[in-house]
Amino acid sequence: MGAYKIHTDDTLRETVVHGSQAYPFAYYPENIWEFDFHRIDWHWHNELEFLLVEKGAAICFAGDNRIELSEGSGVFINRGTLHRYEAQSSAFCPNIVFDATLLAPEDTLIYEKYVKPVLRSSVAFQVLQPDVAWQHHILETLNRIFSIQETNGGNELHTIQLLLQCWDILYQNMDMDSISPAVRRLNHRQAKLQIMMQYIHNHYKEAITLDMIASSVPMSKSGALHIFRSCIQTSPVSYLIQYRLTQAATQLRSTQKSISSIAADTGFLDTGYFCRKFKQRYHLSANEYRRQNS
């Protein structure tokens, strides 16, 4: 397992503050391989994001889209898009996350004409490939943005200048109209997914079933199964088990409760089953995990 993890609330919204109110911009020189389970897990944020694969290769999931990103390629993630990154080996992927108001204040001509249309479009993401001229230009500009973040400050004005160049190219070339209906349904499905996830988070200690999870929307069991599989590539029941294991791991780190007590407290009726599932996920027994993380 890696050393880092992403922190989200019950709707999978990322909880970290990117930059500050005065300067809502953050640069992250991250290696995906160093995160827990070699992935930056499912999350979304109201900010915009650009990521570049500088070394290695990565896989980006955005809703039910699986995007393979080779070295030198990148991706733009629009506001509110549920996404996740994975790596099969070391993958250095510097990225920036920033609020749209950094480009222009709301209720200004620039924001209304050039920023809001992208935010309100059905474009969830835009892949950036180095063999496409306009995308190559964005990737080069991103590299310049990343480089100046490594300096000792005083780079805000230059950063915004380059960011506006990126945005201008993106706005002029991104096709915001001829997007498939599947992408248009992404936000609707995501909302239903988050309601069902919220139900699981609120009731994971109980003996809940697929029927009960689906009824929280409400929708059919097959509909709930389809949304989970298309959006986050797992089933509702599998997600429930993984969430229970995450809560159990927290208790192992922070309490001295017995293994059987923790298993029961996180919704597992059978301690043996809990122990098998825990080792399958964390590659350590519950006792070993506690010793290493106490």
C-alpha atoms as a PDB file:
ATOM      1  CA  MET A   1       0.000   0.000   0.000  1.00  0.00           C
ATOM      2  CA  GLY A   2       1.042   3.569  -0.614  1.00  0.00           C
ATOM      3  CA  ALA A   3       1.428   6.338   1.920  1.00  0.00           C
ATOM      4  CA  TYR A   4      -1.309   8.700   0.788  1.00  0.00           C
ATOM      5  CA  LYS A   5      -5.065   8.660   0.430  1.00  0.00           C
ATOM      6  CA  ILE A   6      -7.697  11.063  -0.786  1.00  0.00           C
ATOM      7  CA  HIS A   7     -10.229  12.392   1.723  1.00  0.00           C
ATOM      8  CA  THR A   8     -13.889  12.778   0.796  1.00  0.00           C
ATOM      9  CA  ASP A   9     -17.228  13.329   2.497  1.00  0.00           C
ATOM     10  CA  ASP A  10     -20.258  11.036   2.294  1.00  0.00           C
ATOM     11  CA  THR A  11     -21.055  12.206  -1.248  1.00  0.00           C
ATOM     12  CA  LEU A  12     -17.462  11.546  -2.426  1.00  0.00           C
ATOM     13  CA  ARG A  13     -16.802  15.279  -2.603  1.00  0.00           C
ATOM     14  CA  GLU A  14     -13.126  15.926  -1.874  1.00  0.00           C
ATOM     15  CA  THR A  15     -12.768  17.713   1.469  1.00  0.00           C
ATOM     16  CA  VAL A  16      -9.324  19.288   1.039  1.00  0.00           C
ATOM     17  CA  VAL A  17      -9.234  23.037   0.388  1.00  0.00           C
ATOM     18  CA  HIS A  18      -7.399  23.742  -2.865  1.00  0.00           C
ATOM     19  CA  GLY A  19      -5.412  26.912  -2.321  1.00  0.00           C
ATOM     20  CA  SER A  20      -7.131  29.728  -0.433  1.00  0.00           C
ATOM     21  CA  GLN A  21     -10.082  32.050  -0.834  1.00  0.00           C
ATOM     22  CA  ALA A  22      -7.682  34.772  -1.921  1.00  0.00           C
ATOM     23  CA  TYR A  23      -5.908  32.467  -4.406  1.00  0.00           C
ATOM     24  CA  PRO A  24      -7.978  29.325  -5.136  1.00  0.00           C
ATOM     25  CA  PHE A  25      -5.240  27.404  -6.950  1.00  0.00           C
ATOM     26  CA  ALA A  26      -3.240  24.343  -5.891  1.00  0.00           C
ATOM     27  CA  TYR A  27      -0.409  22.398  -7.528  1.00  0.00           C
ATOM     28  CA  TYR A  28       0.113  18.720  -6.693  1.00  0.00           C
ATOM     29  CA  PRO A  29       3.292  16.951  -7.909  1.00  0.00           C
ATOM     30  CA  GLU A  30       1.868  13.491  -7.238  1.00  0.00           C
ATOM     31  CA  ASN A  31       2.854   9.926  -8.018  1.00  0.00           C
ATOM     32  CA  ILE A  32      -0.319   7.820  -8.209  1.00  0.00           C
ATOM     33  CA  TRP A  33       1.662   4.709  -7.248  1.00  0.00           C
ATOM     34  CA  GLU A  34       2.293   6.187  -3.783  1.00  0.00           C
ATOM     35  CA  PHE A  35      -1.423   6.342  -2.894  1.00  0.00           C
ATOM     36  CA  ASP A  36      -3.325   3.614  -1.026  1.00  0.00           C
ATOM     37  CA  PHE A  37      -3.904   0.682  -3.382  1.00  0.00           C
ATOM     38  CA  HIS A  38      -2.042   2.663  -6.112  1.00  0.00           C
ATOM     39  CA  ARG A  39      -5.062   4.797  -6.905  1.00  0.00           C
ATOM     40  CA  ILE A  40      -6.491   8.242  -6.253  1.00  0.00           C
ATOM     41  CA  ASP A  41      -9.938   6.932  -5.459  1.00  0.00           C
ATOM     42  CA  TRP A  42     -13.363   8.179  -6.529  1.00  0.00           C
ATOM     43  CA  HIS A  43     -13.943  11.859  -5.795  1.00  0.00           C
ATOM     44  CA  TRP A  44     -15.339  15.057  -7.251  1.00  0.00           C
ATOM     45  CA  HIS A  45     -14.901  18.747  -6.581  1.00  0.00           C
ATOM     46  CA  ASN A  46     -16.364  22.040  -7.723  1.00  0.00           C
ATOM     47  CA  GLU A  47     -12.950  23.135  -8.935  1.00  0.00           C
ATOM     48  CA  LEU A  48     -11.485  22.465 -12.379  1.00  0.00           C
ATOM     49  CA  GLU A  49      -8.531  20.133 -12.865  1.00  0.00           C
ATOM     50  CA  PHE A  50      -5.722  19.560 -15.350  1.00  0.00           C
ATOM     51  CA  LEU A  51      -3.475  16.497 -14.998  1.00  0.00           C
ATOM     52  CA  LEU A  52      -0.411  15.541 -17.044  1.00  0.00           C
ATOM     53  CA  VAL A  53       1.285  12.134 -17.098  1.00  0.00           C
ATOM     54  CA  GLU A  54       4.917  13.215 -16.970  1.00  0.00           C
ATOM     55  CA  LYS A  55       6.405   9.761 -16.344  1.00  0.00           C
ATOM     56  CA  GLY A  56       4.798   6.335 -16.617  1.00  0.00           C
ATOM     57  CA  ALA A  57       1.163   5.672 -17.499  1.00  0.00           C
ATOM     58  CA  ALA A  58      -2.158   6.083 -15.738  1.00  0.00           C
ATOM     59  CA  ILE A  59      -5.795   5.121 -16.106  1.00  0.00           C
ATOM     60  CA  CYS A  60      -8.476   7.735 -15.506  1.00  0.00           C
ATOM     61  CA  PHE A  61     -12.072   6.738 -14.845  1.00  0.00           C
ATOM     62  CA  ALA A  62     -14.672   9.477 -15.313  1.00  0.00           C
ATOM     63  CA  GLY A  63     -18.151   8.101 -14.707  1.00  0.00           C
ATOM     64  CA  ASP A  64     -18.372   5.005 -16.896  1.00  0.00           C
ATOM     65  CA  ASN A  65     -15.479   6.099 -19.139  1.00  0.00           C
ATOM     66  CA  ARG A  66     -12.096   4.368 -18.872  1.00  0.00           C
ATOM     67  CA  ILE A  67      -9.305   6.547 -20.265  1.00  0.00           C
ATOM     68  CA  GLU A  68      -5.786   5.206 -20.735  1.00  0.00           C
ATOM     69  CA  LEU A  69      -3.252   8.006 -20.376  1.00  0.00           C
ATOM     70  CA  SER A  70       0.199   7.306 -21.746  1.00  0.00           C
ATOM     71  CA  GLU A  71       3.336   9.253 -20.909  1.00  0.00           C
ATOM     72  CA  GLY A  72       3.076  12.792 -22.247  1.00  0.00           C
ATOM     73  CA  SER A  73      -0.729  12.860 -22.386  1.00  0.00           C
ATOM     74  CA  GLY A  74      -3.126  14.541 -19.997  1.00  0.00           C
ATOM     75  CA  VAL A  75      -6.738  15.230 -19.141  1.00  0.00           C
ATOM     76  CA  PHE A  76      -9.004  18.131 -18.213  1.00  0.00           C
ATOM     77  CA  ILE A  77     -11.680  17.289 -15.621  1.00  0.00           C
ATOM     78  CA  ASN A  78     -14.700  19.575 -15.554  1.00  0.00           C
ATOM     79  CA  ARG A  79     -16.367  20.803 -12.377  1.00  0.00           C
ATOM     80  CA  GLY A  80     -18.490  18.242 -10.510  1.00  0.00           C
ATOM     81  CA  THR A  81     -17.226  15.211 -12.455  1.00  0.00           C
ATOM     82  CA  LEU A  82     -16.802  11.996 -10.454  1.00  0.00           C
ATOM     83  CA  HIS A  83     -13.366  10.582 -11.330  1.00  0.00           C
ATOM     84  CA  ARG A  84     -10.574   8.278 -10.206  1.00  0.00           C
ATOM     85  CA  TYR A  85      -6.955   7.566 -11.223  1.00  0.00           C
ATOM     86  CA  GLU A  86      -5.054   4.262 -11.125  1.00  0.00           C
ATOM     87  CA  ALA A  87      -1.519   3.153 -11.948  1.00  0.00           C
ATOM     88  CA  GLN A  88       0.067  -0.230 -12.600  1.00  0.00           C
ATOM     89  CA  SER A  89       3.545   1.089 -11.728  1.00  0.00           C
ATOM     90  CA  SER A  90       5.217   4.384 -10.850  1.00  0.00           C
ATOM     91  CA  ALA A  91       3.269   7.209 -12.526  1.00  0.00           C
ATOM     92  CA  PHE A  92       4.324  10.793 -11.837  1.00  0.00           C
ATOM     93  CA  CYS A  93       1.297  12.926 -12.676  1.00  0.00           C
ATOM     94  CA  PRO A  94       1.559  16.594 -11.690  1.00  0.00           C
ATOM     95  CA  ASN A  95      -1.817  18.289 -11.608  1.00  0.00           C
ATOM     96  CA  ILE A  96      -3.476  21.590 -10.815  1.00  0.00           C
ATOM     97  CA  VAL A  97      -6.878  22.176  -9.218  1.00  0.00           C
ATOM     98  CA  PHE A  98      -8.378  25.650  -9.268  1.00  0.00           C
ATOM     99  CA  ASP A  99     -11.660  27.513  -8.935  1.00  0.00           C
ATOM    100  CA  ALA A 100     -13.241  28.849 -12.117  1.00  0.00           C
ATOM    101  CA  THR A 101     -13.362  32.340 -10.605  1.00  0.00           C
ATOM    102  CA  LEU A 102      -9.574  32.456 -10.837  1.00  0.00           C
ATOM    103  CA  LEU A 103     -10.063  32.856 -14.610  1.00  0.00           C
ATOM    104  CA  ALA A 104     -12.588  35.683 -14.174  1.00  0.00           C
ATOM    105  CA  PRO A 105     -14.987  36.843 -11.450  1.00  0.00           C
ATOM    106  CA  GLU A 106     -18.584  35.729 -11.748  1.00  0.00           C
ATOM    107  CA  ASP A 107     -21.046  38.142 -13.379  1.00  0.00           C
ATOM    108  CA  THR A 108     -18.340  39.528 -15.654  1.00  0.00           C
ATOM    109  CA  LEU A 109     -18.330  39.370 -19.429  1.00  0.00           C
ATOM    110  CA  ILE A 110     -15.296  37.052 -19.507  1.00  0.00           C
ATOM    111  CA  TYR A 111     -16.896  34.589 -17.076  1.00  0.00           C
ATOM    112  CA  GLU A 112     -20.299  34.642 -18.792  1.00  0.00           C
ATOM    113  CA  LYS A 113     -18.910  34.330 -22.317  1.00  0.00           C
ATOM    114  CA  TYR A 114     -15.888  32.063 -21.930  1.00  0.00           C
ATOM    115  CA  VAL A 115     -16.053  30.221 -18.601  1.00  0.00           C
ATOM    116  CA  LYS A 116     -19.696  29.436 -17.820  1.00  0.00           C
ATOM    117  CA  PRO A 117     -20.374  27.727 -21.205  1.00  0.00           C
ATOM    118  CA  VAL A 118     -17.719  25.104 -20.395  1.00  0.00           C
ATOM    119  CA  LEU A 119     -18.926  24.633 -16.819  1.00  0.00           C
ATOM    120  CA  ARG A 120     -22.537  24.189 -17.970  1.00  0.00           C
ATOM    121  CA  SER A 121     -21.708  22.015 -20.958  1.00  0.00           C
ATOM    122  CA  SER A 122     -22.153  18.269 -20.969  1.00  0.00           C
ATOM    123  CA  VAL A 123     -18.390  17.828 -21.302  1.00  0.00           C
ATOM    124  CA  ALA A 124     -17.258  15.841 -18.254  1.00  0.00           C
ATOM    125  CA  PHE A 125     -13.626  15.657 -19.374  1.00  0.00           C
ATOM    126  CA  GLN A 126     -11.289  16.321 -22.294  1.00  0.00           C
ATOM    127  CA  VAL A 127      -8.368  14.020 -23.055  1.00  0.00           C
ATOM    128  CA  LEU A 128      -5.203  15.862 -24.130  1.00  0.00           C
ATOM    129  CA  GLN A 129      -2.935  14.017 -26.558  1.00  0.00           C
ATOM    130  CA  PRO A 130       0.476  15.315 -27.715  1.00  0.00           C
ATOM    131  CA  ASP A 131      -0.179  14.358 -31.368  1.00  0.00           C
ATOM    132  CA  VAL A 132      -3.139  16.768 -31.657  1.00  0.00           C
ATOM    133  CA  ALA A 133      -1.818  20.287 -32.277  1.00  0.00           C
ATOM    134  CA  TRP A 134      -4.134  22.292 -30.017  1.00  0.00           C
ATOM    135  CA  GLN A 135      -3.953  19.676 -27.241  1.00  0.00           C
ATOM    136  CA  HIS A 136      -0.151  19.623 -27.547  1.00  0.00           C
ATOM    137  CA  HIS A 137      -0.168  23.397 -27.033  1.00  0.00           C
ATOM    138  CA  ILE A 138      -2.166  22.987 -23.795  1.00  0.00           C
ATOM    139  CA  LEU A 139       0.198  20.244 -22.576  1.00  0.00           C
ATOM    140  CA  GLU A 140       3.223  22.461 -23.242  1.00  0.00           C
ATOM    141  CA  THR A 141       1.581  25.342 -21.382  1.00  0.00           C
ATOM    142  CA  LEU A 142       0.744  23.055 -18.459  1.00  0.00           C
ATOM    143  CA  ASN A 143       4.397  22.055 -18.266  1.00  0.00           C
ATOM    144  CA  ARG A 144       5.313  25.727 -17.980  1.00  0.00           C
ATOM    145  CA  ILE A 145       2.713  26.202 -15.229  1.00  0.00           C
ATOM    146  CA  PHE A 146       4.081  23.222 -13.321  1.00  0.00           C
ATOM    147  CA  SER A 147       7.678  24.442 -13.695  1.00  0.00           C
ATOM    148  CA  ILE A 148       7.033  27.858 -12.209  1.00  0.00           C
ATOM    149  CA  GLN A 149       5.270  26.289  -9.195  1.00  0.00           C
ATOM    150  CA  GLU A 150       8.676  24.881  -8.221  1.00  0.00           C
ATOM    151  CA  THR A 151      10.074  28.410  -7.784  1.00  0.00           C
ATOM    152  CA  ASN A 152      10.125  30.283  -4.497  1.00  0.00           C
ATOM    153  CA  GLY A 153       6.879  32.218  -4.870  1.00  0.00           C
ATOM    154  CA  GLY A 154       5.901  35.368  -6.689  1.00  0.00           C
ATOM    155  CA  ASN A 155       4.525  33.260  -9.546  1.00  0.00           C
ATOM    156  CA  GLU A 156       0.792  33.948  -9.199  1.00  0.00           C
ATOM    157  CA  LEU A 157       0.474  36.478 -12.015  1.00  0.00           C
ATOM    158  CA  HIS A 158       2.514  34.350 -14.430  1.00  0.00           C
ATOM    159  CA  THR A 159       0.468  31.282 -13.425  1.00  0.00           C
ATOM    160  CA  ILE A 160      -2.831  33.013 -14.203  1.00  0.00           C
ATOM    161  CA  GLN A 161      -1.481  34.313 -17.533  1.00  0.00           C
ATOM    162  CA  LEU A 162      -0.567  30.775 -18.596  1.00  0.00           C
ATOM    163  CA  LEU A 163      -3.819  29.363 -17.225  1.00  0.00           C
ATOM    164  CA  LEU A 164      -5.797  31.826 -19.333  1.00  0.00           C
ATOM    165  CA  GLN A 165      -3.809  30.693 -22.388  1.00  0.00           C
ATOM    166  CA  CYS A 166      -4.770  27.080 -21.624  1.00  0.00           C
ATOM    167  CA  TRP A 167      -8.393  28.043 -21.174  1.00  0.00           C
ATOM    168  CA  ASP A 168      -8.493  30.047 -24.399  1.00  0.00           C
ATOM    169  CA  ILE A 169      -7.216  27.053 -26.389  1.00  0.00           C
ATOM    170  CA  LEU A 170      -9.614  24.700 -24.614  1.00  0.00           C
ATOM    171  CA  TYR A 171     -12.603  26.976 -25.151  1.00  0.00           C
ATOM    172  CA  GLN A 172     -11.815  27.528 -28.839  1.00  0.00           C
ATOM    173  CA  ASN A 173     -11.370  23.825 -29.627  1.00  0.00           C
ATOM    174  CA  MET A 174     -13.480  21.733 -27.251  1.00  0.00           C
ATOM    175  CA  ASP A 175     -16.709  20.493 -28.795  1.00  0.00           C
ATOM    176  CA  MET A 176     -19.336  21.392 -26.230  1.00  0.00           C
ATOM    177  CA  ASP A 177     -22.368  20.465 -28.343  1.00  0.00           C
ATOM    178  CA  SER A 178     -21.997  17.052 -29.977  1.00  0.00           C
ATOM    179  CA  ILE A 179     -21.520  15.067 -26.783  1.00  0.00           C
ATOM    180  CA  SER A 180     -23.099  11.640 -26.521  1.00  0.00           C
ATOM    181  CA  PRO A 181     -26.269  11.159 -24.426  1.00  0.00           C
ATOM    182  CA  ALA A 182     -24.231   8.905 -22.128  1.00  0.00           C
ATOM    183  CA  VAL A 183     -22.160  11.864 -20.959  1.00  0.00           C
ATOM    184  CA  ARG A 184     -25.291  14.001 -20.613  1.00  0.00           C
ATOM    185  CA  ARG A 185     -26.731  11.387 -18.233  1.00  0.00           C
ATOM    186  CA  LEU A 186     -23.557  11.289 -16.158  1.00  0.00           C
ATOM    187  CA  ASN A 187     -24.596  13.943 -13.633  1.00  0.00           C
ATOM    188  CA  HIS A 188     -28.075  12.407 -13.234  1.00  0.00           C
ATOM    189  CA  ARG A 189     -26.600   8.967 -12.546  1.00  0.00           C
ATOM    190  CA  GLN A 190     -23.981  10.475 -10.274  1.00  0.00           C
ATOM    191  CA  ALA A 191     -26.683  12.113  -8.142  1.00  0.00           C
ATOM    192  CA  LYS A 192     -28.501   8.779  -7.718  1.00  0.00           C
ATOM    193  CA  LEU A 193     -25.211   7.027  -6.957  1.00  0.00           C
ATOM    194  CA  GLN A 194     -24.412   9.534  -4.232  1.00  0.00           C
ATOM    195  CA  ILE A 195     -27.852   9.106  -2.619  1.00  0.00           C
ATOM    196  CA  MET A 196     -27.330   5.338  -2.464  1.00  0.00           C
ATOM    197  CA  MET A 197     -23.805   5.787  -1.122  1.00  0.00           C
ATOM    198  CA  GLN A 198     -25.142   8.128   1.547  1.00  0.00           C
ATOM    199  CA  TYR A 199     -27.667   5.437   2.531  1.00  0.00           C
ATOM    200  CA  ILE A 200     -24.857   2.868   2.840  1.00  0.00           C
ATOM    201  CA  HIS A 201     -22.752   5.246   4.951  1.00  0.00           C
ATOM    202  CA  ASN A 202     -25.690   5.909   7.266  1.00  0.00           C
ATOM    203  CA  HIS A 203     -26.771   2.268   7.654  1.00  0.00           C
ATOM    204  CA  TYR A 204     -23.622   0.128   7.135  1.00  0.00           C
ATOM    205  CA  LYS A 205     -23.813  -1.215  10.703  1.00  0.00           C
ATOM    206  CA  GLU A 206     -27.223  -2.733   9.935  1.00  0.00           C
ATOM    207  CA  ALA A 207     -28.168  -5.829   7.925  1.00  0.00           C
ATOM    208  CA  ILE A 208     -28.988  -3.884   4.755  1.00  0.00           C
ATOM    209  CA  THR A 209     -29.759  -5.511   1.420  1.00  0.00           C
ATOM    210  CA  LEU A 210     -29.571  -4.553  -2.254  1.00  0.00           C
ATOM    211  CA  ASP A 211     -33.349  -3.992  -2.145  1.00  0.00           C
ATOM    212  CA  MET A 212     -32.955  -1.491   0.683  1.00  0.00           C
ATOM    213  CA  ILE A 213     -30.111   0.344  -1.073  1.00  0.00           C
ATOM    214  CA  ALA A 214     -32.115   0.604  -4.314  1.00  0.00           C
ATOM    215  CA  SER A 215     -35.212   1.777  -2.439  1.00  0.00           C
ATOM    216  CA  SER A 216     -33.317   4.793  -1.088  1.00  0.00           C
ATOM    217  CA  VAL A 217     -33.467   6.422  -4.565  1.00  0.00           C
ATOM    218  CA  PRO A 218     -35.982   4.700  -5.317  1.00  0.00           C
ATOM    219  CA  MET A 219     -35.264   2.384  -8.241  1.00  0.00           C
ATOM    220  CA  SER A 220     -35.117  -1.302  -9.154  1.00  0.00           C
ATOM    221  CA  LYS A 221     -32.330  -3.591  -7.957  1.00  0.00           C
ATOM    222  CA  SER A 222     -31.095  -3.972 -11.536  1.00  0.00           C
ATOM    223  CA  GLY A 223     -31.071  -0.174 -11.934  1.00  0.00           C
ATOM    224  CA  ALA A 224     -29.019   0.267  -8.768  1.00  0.00           C
ATOM    225  CA  LEU A 225     -26.616  -2.438  -9.898  1.00  0.00           C
ATOM    226  CA  HIS A 226     -26.216  -0.751 -13.299  1.00  0.00           C
ATOM    227  CA  ILE A 227     -25.481   2.666 -11.784  1.00  0.00           C
ATOM    228  CA  PHE A 228     -22.817   1.332  -9.417  1.00  0.00           C
ATOM    229  CA  ARG A 229     -21.162  -0.766 -12.109  1.00  0.00           C
ATOM    230  CA  SER A 230     -21.238   1.966 -14.763  1.00  0.00           C
ATOM    231  CA  CYS A 231     -20.094   4.778 -12.463  1.00  0.00           C
ATOM    232  CA  ILE A 232     -17.580   3.140 -10.097  1.00  0.00           C
ATOM    233  CA  GLN A 233     -17.102  -0.366 -11.537  1.00  0.00           C
ATOM    234  CA  THR A 234     -18.389  -2.282  -8.526  1.00  0.00           C
ATOM    235  CA  SER A 235     -21.692  -3.566  -7.145  1.00  0.00           C
ATOM    236  CA  PRO A 236     -23.666  -1.952  -4.290  1.00  0.00           C
ATOM    237  CA  VAL A 237     -23.003  -4.947  -2.033  1.00  0.00           C
ATOM    238  CA  SER A 238     -19.266  -4.922  -2.818  1.00  0.00           C
ATOM    239  CA  TYR A 239     -19.165  -1.207  -2.084  1.00  0.00           C
ATOM    240  CA  LEU A 240     -20.969  -1.847   1.219  1.00  0.00           C
ATOM    241  CA  ILE A 241     -18.385  -4.460   2.215  1.00  0.00           C
ATOM    242  CA  GLN A 242     -15.476  -2.177   1.265  1.00  0.00           C
ATOM    243  CA  TYR A 243     -16.986   0.681   3.264  1.00  0.00           C
ATOM    244  CA  ARG A 244     -17.441  -1.580   6.291  1.00  0.00           C
ATOM    245  CA  LEU A 245     -13.795  -2.660   6.009  1.00  0.00           C
ATOM    246  CA  THR A 246     -12.672   0.977   5.834  1.00  0.00           C
ATOM    247  CA  GLN A 247     -14.601   1.750   9.016  1.00  0.00           C
ATOM    248  CA  ALA A 248     -13.145  -1.350  10.676  1.00  0.00           C
ATOM    249  CA  ALA A 249      -9.612  -0.253   9.749  1.00  0.00           C
ATOM    250  CA  THR A 250     -10.291   3.121  11.396  1.00  0.00           C
ATOM    251  CA  GLN A 251     -11.369   1.383  14.606  1.00  0.00           C
ATOM    252  CA  LEU A 252      -8.319  -0.890  14.541  1.00  0.00           C
ATOM    253  CA  ARG A 253      -6.087   2.178  14.386  1.00  0.00           C
ATOM    254  CA  SER A 254      -7.931   4.277  16.976  1.00  0.00           C
ATOM    255  CA  THR A 255      -9.404   1.859  19.555  1.00  0.00           C
ATOM    256  CA  GLN A 256      -8.435  -1.178  21.593  1.00  0.00           C
ATOM    257  CA  LYS A 257     -11.695  -3.032  20.886  1.00  0.00           C
ATOM    258  CA  SER A 258     -11.468  -6.752  20.187  1.00  0.00           C
ATOM    259  CA  ILE A 259     -11.507  -7.970  16.593  1.00  0.00           C
ATOM    260  CA  SER A 260     -14.892  -9.631  17.084  1.00  0.00           C
ATOM    261  CA  SER A 261     -16.345  -6.466  18.590  1.00  0.00           C
ATOM    262  CA  ILE A 262     -15.100  -4.348  15.679  1.00  0.00           C
ATOM    263  CA  ALA A 263     -16.461  -6.876  13.188  1.00  0.00           C
ATOM    264  CA  ALA A 264     -19.903  -6.756  14.795  1.00  0.00           C
ATOM    265  CA  ASP A 265     -19.808  -2.968  15.132  1.00  0.00           C
ATOM    266  CA  THR A 266     -19.155  -2.540  11.391  1.00  0.00           C
ATOM    267  CA  GLY A 267     -21.929  -4.839  10.175  1.00  0.00           C
ATOM    268  CA  PHE A 268     -20.162  -8.216   9.928  1.00  0.00           C
ATOM    269  CA  LEU A 269     -22.162 -10.996  11.572  1.00  0.00           C
ATOM    270  CA  ASP A 270     -19.349 -13.536  11.167  1.00  0.00           C
ATOM    271  CA  THR A 271     -15.891 -12.673  12.554  1.00  0.00           C
ATOM    272  CA  GLY A 272     -14.194 -15.302  10.386  1.00  0.00           C
ATOM    273  CA  TYR A 273     -15.728 -13.802   7.236  1.00  0.00           C
ATOM    274  CA  PHE A 274     -14.633 -10.333   8.371  1.00  0.00           C
ATOM    275  CA  CYS A 275     -11.051 -11.520   8.911  1.00  0.00           C
ATOM    276  CA  ARG A 276     -10.890 -13.132   5.449  1.00  0.00           C
ATOM    277  CA  LYS A 277     -12.284 -10.023   3.732  1.00  0.00           C
ATOM    278  CA  PHE A 278      -9.997  -7.718   5.707  1.00  0.00           C
ATOM    279  CA  LYS A 279      -6.862  -9.633   4.742  1.00  0.00           C
ATOM    280  CA  GLN A 280      -8.031  -9.800   1.128  1.00  0.00           C
ATOM    281  CA  ARG A 281      -8.280  -5.983   0.999  1.00  0.00           C
ATOM    282  CA  TYR A 282      -5.353  -4.882   3.167  1.00  0.00           C
ATOM    283  CA  HIS A 283      -2.993  -7.864   2.633  1.00  0.00           C
ATOM    284  CA  LEU A 284      -2.564  -8.017   6.400  1.00  0.00           C
ATOM    285  CA  SER A 285      -4.556  -9.719   9.130  1.00  0.00           C
ATOM    286  CA  ALA A 286      -6.559  -7.393  11.359  1.00  0.00           C
ATOM    287  CA  ASN A 287      -4.049  -7.910  14.204  1.00  0.00           C
ATOM    288  CA  GLU A 288      -1.077  -7.257  11.925  1.00  0.00           C
ATOM    289  CA  TYR A 289      -2.770  -4.115  10.601  1.00  0.00           C
ATOM    290  CA  ARG A 290      -3.344  -2.884  14.164  1.00  0.00           C
ATOM    291  CA  ARG A 291       0.279  -3.504  15.157  1.00  0.00           C
ATOM    292  CA  GLN A 292       1.600  -1.634  12.112  1.00  0.00           C
ATOM    293  CA  ASN A 293      -0.763   1.331  12.509  1.00  0.00           C
ATOM    294  CA  SER A 294      -1.052   1.803  16.267  1.00  0.00           C
END
